[in-house]
Amino acid sequence: MPLDTFLALVLFAFTTSITPGPNNMMLFASGVNFGFRRTIPHMFGIGVGFFSLLIGVGLGLGALLHTVPMVYTALKFAGGAYLVWIAWKIASSRSLSEGRSGVEPMSFFAAAAFQ
């Protein structure tokens, strides 16, 4: 890999890791509600999920989606359904202060899959 391409990748990874995107906001909320120690699996899950995403792109996932439009269409509908499900979960959720028992921070695998 040429040095300029590698530096661009490092800059992209650094920039996306510090911007206040959804992952950072979720980690902030998890840290406030559950503490640092219980949020660690969530943090590592985000890192592994992002790395998996980069590997998929590097191995030609974009080319696959371009050559097989049906897979791209299915992925769009699956992503849309997932977003609707998340919106429903947020809309129907209660706050942690209401005493809902059984609330847990996001797991490693859930955070990796969220990527």
C-alpha atoms as a PDB file:
ATOM      1  CA  MET A   1       0.000   0.000   0.000  1.00  0.00           C
ATOM      2  CA  PRO A   2       1.448   3.394  -0.946  1.00  0.00           C
ATOM      3  CA  LEU A   3       2.283   5.698   1.952  1.00  0.00           C
ATOM      4  CA  ASP A   4      -0.163   8.403   0.862  1.00  0.00           C
ATOM      5  CA  THR A   5      -3.035   5.877   0.771  1.00  0.00           C
ATOM      6  CA  PHE A   6      -2.077   4.528   4.194  1.00  0.00           C
ATOM      7  CA  LEU A   7      -1.920   8.042   5.663  1.00  0.00           C
ATOM      8  CA  ALA A   8      -5.335   8.831   4.203  1.00  0.00           C
ATOM      9  CA  LEU A   9      -6.731   5.666   5.814  1.00  0.00           C
ATOM     10  CA  VAL A  10      -5.192   6.548   9.199  1.00  0.00           C
ATOM     11  CA  LEU A  11      -6.568  10.101   8.991  1.00  0.00           C
ATOM     12  CA  PHE A  12     -10.025   8.792   8.047  1.00  0.00           C
ATOM     13  CA  ALA A  13     -10.023   6.270  10.915  1.00  0.00           C
ATOM     14  CA  PHE A  14      -8.881   8.914  13.416  1.00  0.00           C
ATOM     15  CA  THR A  15     -11.439  11.477  12.267  1.00  0.00           C
ATOM     16  CA  THR A  16     -14.338   9.043  12.390  1.00  0.00           C
ATOM     17  CA  SER A  17     -13.305   7.843  15.854  1.00  0.00           C
ATOM     18  CA  ILE A  18     -13.467  11.306  17.467  1.00  0.00           C
ATOM     19  CA  THR A  19     -16.453  12.893  15.758  1.00  0.00           C
ATOM     20  CA  PRO A  20     -19.714  12.967  17.752  1.00  0.00           C
ATOM     21  CA  GLY A  21     -21.493  10.350  15.686  1.00  0.00           C
ATOM     22  CA  PRO A  22     -24.034   7.786  16.863  1.00  0.00           C
ATOM     23  CA  ASN A  23     -21.421   5.442  18.316  1.00  0.00           C
ATOM     24  CA  ASN A  24     -19.849   8.128  20.467  1.00  0.00           C
ATOM     25  CA  MET A  25     -23.252   9.290  21.647  1.00  0.00           C
ATOM     26  CA  MET A  26     -24.242   5.716  22.531  1.00  0.00           C
ATOM     27  CA  LEU A  27     -20.978   5.217  24.422  1.00  0.00           C
ATOM     28  CA  PHE A  28     -21.558   8.468  26.284  1.00  0.00           C
ATOM     29  CA  ALA A  29     -25.063   7.417  27.305  1.00  0.00           C
ATOM     30  CA  SER A  30     -23.878   3.937  28.280  1.00  0.00           C
ATOM     31  CA  GLY A  31     -21.035   5.364  30.342  1.00  0.00           C
ATOM     32  CA  VAL A  32     -23.377   7.719  32.180  1.00  0.00           C
ATOM     33  CA  ASN A  33     -25.978   5.030  32.862  1.00  0.00           C
ATOM     34  CA  PHE A  34     -23.782   1.978  33.488  1.00  0.00           C
ATOM     35  CA  GLY A  35     -20.280   3.260  34.228  1.00  0.00           C
ATOM     36  CA  PHE A  36     -16.986   2.890  32.411  1.00  0.00           C
ATOM     37  CA  ARG A  37     -16.262  -0.737  33.273  1.00  0.00           C
ATOM     38  CA  ARG A  38     -19.640  -2.061  32.031  1.00  0.00           C
ATOM     39  CA  THR A  39     -19.272  -0.021  28.819  1.00  0.00           C
ATOM     40  CA  ILE A  40     -15.919  -1.569  27.818  1.00  0.00           C
ATOM     41  CA  PRO A  41     -17.485  -4.463  25.781  1.00  0.00           C
ATOM     42  CA  HIS A  42     -19.514  -1.884  23.854  1.00  0.00           C
ATOM     43  CA  MET A  43     -16.329   0.068  23.064  1.00  0.00           C
ATOM     44  CA  PHE A  44     -14.464  -3.001  21.825  1.00  0.00           C
ATOM     45  CA  GLY A  45     -17.491  -4.129  19.809  1.00  0.00           C
ATOM     46  CA  ILE A  46     -17.544  -0.826  17.949  1.00  0.00           C
ATOM     47  CA  GLY A  47     -13.845  -1.167  17.139  1.00  0.00           C
ATOM     48  CA  VAL A  48     -14.213  -4.726  15.850  1.00  0.00           C
ATOM     49  CA  GLY A  49     -17.336  -3.848  13.862  1.00  0.00           C
ATOM     50  CA  PHE A  50     -15.640  -0.860  12.234  1.00  0.00           C
ATOM     51  CA  PHE A  51     -12.563  -2.963  11.430  1.00  0.00           C
ATOM     52  CA  SER A  52     -14.804  -5.639   9.888  1.00  0.00           C
ATOM     53  CA  LEU A  53     -16.490  -2.976   7.780  1.00  0.00           C
ATOM     54  CA  LEU A  54     -13.115  -1.736   6.512  1.00  0.00           C
ATOM     55  CA  ILE A  55     -12.000  -5.302   5.729  1.00  0.00           C
ATOM     56  CA  GLY A  56     -15.237  -5.945   3.813  1.00  0.00           C
ATOM     57  CA  VAL A  57     -14.754  -2.825   1.733  1.00  0.00           C
ATOM     58  CA  GLY A  58     -11.099  -3.673   1.151  1.00  0.00           C
ATOM     59  CA  LEU A  59     -12.007  -7.175  -0.023  1.00  0.00           C
ATOM     60  CA  GLY A  60     -14.421  -5.839  -2.639  1.00  0.00           C
ATOM     61  CA  LEU A  61     -17.841  -5.685  -0.999  1.00  0.00           C
ATOM     62  CA  GLY A  62     -18.613  -2.559  -3.024  1.00  0.00           C
ATOM     63  CA  ALA A  63     -17.769  -4.353  -6.258  1.00  0.00           C
ATOM     64  CA  LEU A  64     -20.014  -7.253  -5.268  1.00  0.00           C
ATOM     65  CA  LEU A  65     -22.918  -4.908  -4.571  1.00  0.00           C
ATOM     66  CA  HIS A  66     -22.311  -3.166  -7.877  1.00  0.00           C
ATOM     67  CA  THR A  67     -22.269  -6.383  -9.914  1.00  0.00           C
ATOM     68  CA  VAL A  68     -25.214  -8.037  -8.123  1.00  0.00           C
ATOM     69  CA  PRO A  69     -27.864  -5.298  -7.751  1.00  0.00           C
ATOM     70  CA  MET A  70     -30.318  -7.708  -6.087  1.00  0.00           C
ATOM     71  CA  VAL A  71     -27.979  -8.052  -3.093  1.00  0.00           C
ATOM     72  CA  TYR A  72     -27.754  -4.265  -2.877  1.00  0.00           C
ATOM     73  CA  THR A  73     -31.544  -3.928  -2.971  1.00  0.00           C
ATOM     74  CA  ALA A  74     -31.982  -6.615  -0.300  1.00  0.00           C
ATOM     75  CA  LEU A  75     -29.391  -4.865   1.859  1.00  0.00           C
ATOM     76  CA  LYS A  76     -31.247  -1.547   1.510  1.00  0.00           C
ATOM     77  CA  PHE A  77     -34.534  -3.110   2.602  1.00  0.00           C
ATOM     78  CA  ALA A  78     -32.906  -4.989   5.484  1.00  0.00           C
ATOM     79  CA  GLY A  79     -31.196  -1.791   6.637  1.00  0.00           C
ATOM     80  CA  GLY A  80     -34.460   0.142   6.402  1.00  0.00           C
ATOM     81  CA  ALA A  81     -36.304  -2.513   8.403  1.00  0.00           C
ATOM     82  CA  TYR A  82     -33.559  -2.426  11.035  1.00  0.00           C
ATOM     83  CA  LEU A  83     -33.844   1.364  11.308  1.00  0.00           C
ATOM     84  CA  VAL A  84     -37.613   1.128  11.721  1.00  0.00           C
ATOM     85  CA  TRP A  85     -37.133  -1.500  14.449  1.00  0.00           C
ATOM     86  CA  ILE A  86     -34.617   0.724  16.260  1.00  0.00           C
ATOM     87  CA  ALA A  87     -36.982   3.697  15.992  1.00  0.00           C
ATOM     88  CA  TRP A  88     -39.797   1.608  17.453  1.00  0.00           C
ATOM     89  CA  LYS A  89     -37.580   0.484  20.329  1.00  0.00           C
ATOM     90  CA  ILE A  90     -36.611   4.090  21.084  1.00  0.00           C
ATOM     91  CA  ALA A  91     -40.184   5.362  20.814  1.00  0.00           C
ATOM     92  CA  SER A  92     -41.562   2.662  23.105  1.00  0.00           C
ATOM     93  CA  SER A  93     -38.743   2.720  25.670  1.00  0.00           C
ATOM     94  CA  ARG A  94     -38.904   4.111  29.159  1.00  0.00           C
ATOM     95  CA  SER A  95     -36.177   6.078  30.879  1.00  0.00           C
ATOM     96  CA  LEU A  96     -33.789   4.306  33.223  1.00  0.00           C
ATOM     97  CA  SER A  97     -35.043   6.446  36.094  1.00  0.00           C
ATOM     98  CA  GLU A  98     -38.460   4.771  35.866  1.00  0.00           C
ATOM     99  CA  GLY A  99     -36.952   1.739  37.567  1.00  0.00           C
ATOM    100  CA  ARG A 100     -37.202  -0.711  34.686  1.00  0.00           C
ATOM    101  CA  SER A 101     -35.319  -3.797  35.757  1.00  0.00           C
ATOM    102  CA  GLY A 102     -33.180  -5.899  33.486  1.00  0.00           C
ATOM    103  CA  VAL A 103     -31.622  -3.012  31.553  1.00  0.00           C
ATOM    104  CA  GLU A 104     -28.128  -3.915  30.368  1.00  0.00           C
ATOM    105  CA  PRO A 105     -25.497  -2.059  28.353  1.00  0.00           C
ATOM    106  CA  MET A 106     -24.986  -3.038  24.724  1.00  0.00           C
ATOM    107  CA  SER A 107     -22.930  -6.207  24.394  1.00  0.00           C
ATOM    108  CA  PHE A 108     -19.753  -6.688  22.366  1.00  0.00           C
ATOM    109  CA  PHE A 109     -21.539  -8.591  19.584  1.00  0.00           C
ATOM    110  CA  ALA A 110     -24.492  -6.183  19.465  1.00  0.00           C
ATOM    111  CA  ALA A 111     -22.125  -3.212  19.113  1.00  0.00           C
ATOM    112  CA  ALA A 112     -20.092  -4.975  16.404  1.00  0.00           C
ATOM    113  CA  ALA A 113     -23.277  -5.843  14.512  1.00  0.00           C
ATOM    114  CA  PHE A 114     -24.503  -2.251  14.857  1.00  0.00           C
ATOM    115  CA  GLN A 115     -21.593  -1.172  12.681  1.00  0.00           C
END
